[in-house]
Protein backbone atom coordinates (compact mmCIF):
# COMPACT_ATOMS: atom_id res chain seq x y z
CA MET A 1 -18.39 35.47 25.76
CA ASN A 2 -21.24 31.98 24.85
CA SER A 3 -24.52 33.60 22.98
CA MET A 4 -27.32 33.79 25.85
CA ALA A 5 -24.38 36.01 27.51
CA PHE A 6 -24.88 37.89 24.29
CA VAL A 7 -28.15 37.83 24.51
CA ASP A 8 -28.25 39.28 28.00
CA ARG A 9 -26.34 42.26 26.87
CA LEU A 10 -28.58 43.03 24.03
CA VAL A 11 -31.89 42.84 26.38
CA GLU A 12 -30.43 45.54 27.99
CA VAL A 13 -29.33 47.62 25.65
CA LEU A 14 -33.27 47.25 23.62
CA GLU A 15 -35.14 47.54 27.38
CA SER A 16 -32.43 50.96 28.00
CA ALA A 17 -33.78 51.96 25.43
CA GLY A 18 -37.86 51.26 25.45
CA ILE A 19 -37.92 48.81 23.07
CA GLN A 20 -40.27 46.14 21.99
CA TYR A 21 -38.95 43.22 21.14
CA ALA A 22 -39.15 38.98 20.78
CA ILE A 23 -35.91 36.48 20.59
CA VAL A 24 -36.88 34.38 17.36
CA GLY A 25 -34.88 32.11 15.54
CA GLY A 26 -32.52 29.58 16.48
CA LEU A 27 -32.60 30.50 20.00
CA ALA A 28 -36.18 30.49 20.50
CA ALA A 29 -36.20 27.17 19.00
CA ILE A 30 -33.83 26.41 21.67
CA ALA A 31 -35.73 27.56 24.42
CA TRP A 32 -38.79 25.90 23.28
CA GLY A 33 -36.64 21.74 23.92
CA VAL A 34 -35.11 21.95 19.58
CA PRO A 35 -31.10 20.53 20.20
CA ARG A 36 -29.91 22.39 17.57
CA SER A 37 -26.84 25.08 17.71
CA THR A 38 -27.06 28.79 16.56
CA GLN A 39 -23.63 30.98 15.48
CA ASP A 40 -27.06 34.49 14.79
CA VAL A 41 -29.08 36.29 17.81
CA ASP A 42 -32.52 37.24 15.57
CA LEU A 43 -35.24 39.26 17.10
CA VAL A 44 -38.46 40.48 16.06
CA ALA A 45 -38.91 44.12 17.34
CA GLU A 46 -40.43 47.69 16.95
CA LEU A 47 -38.16 49.89 15.98
CA PRO A 48 -38.16 53.41 16.13
CA ALA A 49 -37.96 55.49 12.99
CA ASP A 50 -36.83 58.67 14.08
CA LEU A 51 -33.34 59.26 12.77
CA GLU A 52 -32.50 60.43 16.68
CA GLU A 53 -33.60 58.00 18.42
CA LEU A 54 -31.96 55.52 16.38
CA THR A 55 -28.77 56.94 16.14
CA ARG A 56 -29.45 56.65 20.37
CA LEU A 57 -29.90 53.27 20.07
CA GLY A 58 -26.73 52.85 18.10
CA GLU A 59 -24.55 54.84 20.47
CA ARG A 60 -26.26 52.02 23.11
CA MET A 61 -25.35 50.01 21.09
CA GLY A 62 -21.48 50.54 20.53
CA ALA A 63 -21.28 51.17 24.08
CA ALA A 64 -21.90 47.60 25.41
CA GLY A 65 -20.03 46.01 22.51
CA LEU A 66 -22.09 44.85 20.01
CA SER A 67 -21.49 46.70 17.00
CA ALA A 68 -18.61 48.43 15.44
CA MET A 69 -20.61 50.66 12.93
CA GLU A 70 -21.31 54.27 13.55
CA PRO A 71 -24.41 55.31 15.56
CA ASP A 72 -24.97 57.41 12.38
CA HIS A 73 -24.24 54.77 10.28
CA PHE A 74 -26.54 51.75 12.14
CA ALA A 75 -29.37 54.58 11.88
CA GLU A 76 -28.88 54.77 8.52
CA VAL A 77 -29.39 51.35 8.36
CA ALA A 78 -31.45 50.51 10.81
CA ALA A 79 -34.39 53.88 9.20
CA SER A 80 -34.34 51.90 5.62
CA SER A 81 -34.73 48.80 7.32
CA VAL A 82 -37.77 50.16 9.09
CA THR A 83 -38.56 52.16 6.08
CA HIS A 84 -38.71 49.03 3.61
CA GLY A 85 -39.53 46.19 5.67
CA ALA A 86 -36.01 44.15 5.57
CA THR A 87 -34.00 42.24 8.04
CA PHE A 88 -31.00 44.69 9.64
CA SER A 89 -28.18 42.45 9.90
CA PHE A 90 -24.86 43.55 11.54
CA MET A 91 -21.46 41.88 13.20
CA THR A 92 -20.50 42.56 16.26
CA PRO A 93 -17.64 42.53 17.38
CA ALA A 94 -18.16 38.86 19.16
CA ILE A 95 -17.99 37.53 16.01
CA GLU A 96 -21.99 36.84 16.68
CA LYS A 97 -24.50 38.04 13.98
CA ILE A 98 -27.59 39.92 15.25
CA ASP A 99 -30.83 39.88 12.55
CA ILE A 100 -33.75 42.35 13.74
CA SER A 101 -36.80 42.07 11.56
CA PRO A 102 -39.02 45.06 12.19
CA THR A 103 -42.55 45.41 12.39
CA GLY A 104 -44.11 47.43 10.26
CA ARG A 105 -46.43 48.44 7.08
CA SER A 106 -44.69 45.34 4.75
CA GLU A 107 -45.56 41.74 4.25
CA ALA A 108 -42.24 40.89 6.67
CA GLY A 109 -43.39 43.64 8.90
CA ARG A 110 -46.77 42.12 9.53
CA VAL A 111 -45.79 39.10 10.50
CA ALA A 112 -42.75 40.65 12.63
CA ALA A 113 -45.83 41.79 14.83
CA THR A 114 -47.30 39.13 14.75
CA VAL A 115 -44.72 37.10 16.27
CA LEU A 116 -44.53 39.85 18.18
CA GLY A 117 -47.99 39.77 20.03
CA LEU A 118 -46.75 36.40 20.45
CA ARG A 119 -44.37 36.77 23.32
CA CYS A 120 -43.35 35.78 27.27
CA ARG A 121 -40.68 36.30 29.68
CA LEU A 122 -38.39 32.77 30.27
CA GLU A 123 -35.05 33.63 31.88
CA THR A 124 -31.59 32.44 31.37
CA ALA A 125 -29.13 30.85 32.24
CA GLY A 126 -27.31 33.95 33.57
CA GLY A 127 -30.66 35.10 35.78
CA GLN A 128 -31.62 37.40 33.68
CA THR A 129 -35.88 37.35 32.41
CA VAL A 130 -35.61 37.81 28.48
CA TRP A 131 -38.69 38.14 26.10
CA PHE A 132 -39.05 35.18 23.78
CA ALA A 133 -41.29 34.48 21.50
CA THR A 134 -43.65 32.21 22.27
CA PRO A 135 -43.58 27.95 20.57
CA GLU A 136 -46.29 30.21 18.45
CA GLY A 137 -44.92 32.72 17.85
CA THR A 138 -42.00 30.90 17.05
CA ILE A 139 -43.55 28.06 14.48
CA ILE A 140 -45.19 31.19 12.48
CA GLY A 141 -42.13 33.37 11.84
CA LYS A 142 -40.82 29.52 10.83
CA LEU A 143 -43.56 29.02 8.42
CA TYR A 144 -43.45 33.09 7.28
CA PHE A 145 -39.43 32.18 6.38
CA TYR A 146 -40.37 28.41 5.09
CA TRP A 147 -42.28 29.84 2.58
CA LEU A 148 -38.94 32.48 1.59
CA GLY A 149 -37.63 29.06 0.64
CA SER A 150 -36.02 27.83 3.95
CA ASP A 151 -36.73 24.69 3.79
CA ARG A 152 -34.95 23.48 7.17
CA GLN A 153 -37.31 25.66 8.90
CA MET A 154 -39.65 22.86 8.74
CA ARG A 155 -37.54 20.81 11.00
CA ASP A 156 -37.02 23.00 13.36
CA ILE A 157 -40.96 23.12 13.50
CA ALA A 158 -41.79 19.63 13.24
CA ASN A 159 -38.78 19.34 16.50
CA ILE A 160 -40.70 22.00 18.92
CA LEU A 161 -44.33 20.28 18.04
CA ARG A 162 -43.04 16.81 19.15
CA VAL A 163 -41.15 18.21 22.11
CA GLN A 164 -43.07 20.60 23.16
CA ALA A 165 -46.52 17.73 22.64
CA ALA A 166 -43.94 15.62 24.68
CA ALA A 167 -43.78 18.05 27.75
CA GLY A 168 -47.80 17.67 27.59
CA ARG A 169 -47.96 21.29 27.11
CA ASP A 170 -50.60 22.44 24.57
CA LEU A 171 -49.73 24.72 21.98
CA ASN A 172 -52.77 27.27 20.21
CA LEU A 173 -52.76 25.37 16.81
CA GLU A 174 -55.97 26.59 16.07
CA THR A 175 -53.95 30.06 16.57
CA ILE A 176 -50.98 29.04 13.67
CA GLY A 177 -53.42 27.53 11.48
CA GLU A 178 -55.71 30.52 11.03
CA TRP A 179 -52.89 32.43 10.40
CA ALA A 180 -51.00 29.90 8.25
CA ARG A 181 -55.05 30.10 5.50
CA ALA A 182 -55.26 33.91 5.95
CA PHE A 183 -51.67 34.21 4.74
CA ASN A 184 -51.22 31.47 2.32
CA PRO A 185 -53.45 28.16 1.70
CA GLY A 186 -50.00 26.79 -0.16
CA LEU A 187 -48.74 27.12 3.32
CA TYR A 188 -51.52 25.93 5.39
CA GLN A 189 -51.22 23.13 3.02
CA ALA A 190 -47.95 22.54 4.70
CA TRP A 191 -48.58 23.35 7.74
CA VAL A 192 -51.65 20.45 7.91
CA GLU A 193 -49.50 18.47 6.63
CA THR A 194 -46.31 18.93 9.25
CA LEU A 195 -49.01 18.61 11.93
CA ASP A 196 -50.15 15.10 10.23
CA ALA A 197 -46.25 14.22 9.81
CA VAL A 198 -45.55 14.47 13.83
CA GLY A 199 -48.84 12.61 14.67
CA LEU A 200 -50.42 16.14 15.47
CA GLY A 201 -53.32 16.26 12.62
CA GLU A 202 -57.19 15.36 12.43
CA SER A 203 -56.97 12.34 9.64
């Protein structure tokens, strides 16, 4: 199963469960024109904290061939992820890895909520309409992971900026800058330097 067919199946499960989500990470970068590959499916989502709801979600995941975890175990791990604001990661029978960053009160949860608030519908190759993080939301998510120590995120950010500028699309750079400045002055400086490097800065 290719990545987008896999995403279509995953999205059907999430939407049937009434869960708000947005595809982020590598797949979002690809959606916004960055030529790269990825083996993971990353998303932010407003997961429920209730164990019964999470158990039902685990059952749906299993029935769709997306998770080999027992529904009760799935629910326990997901609930812990929601409580602690940690990414919920699991392998699937299709050898794809799903990383779900839940919204919440933790630092990571607040970032996930910000990104979830910046999403739009895009049509996949399979004809399904899916929620993706906007370019702005994708960049904010990648800035956060850059701040956590993943230097490759800045390469994706620069490429998204270049591709969108070449396509004549105006991004809301002010929204990204305001978020970065509020999050950390050092991260804001890294953002400004990236804008300068791709020719979109004020200097």
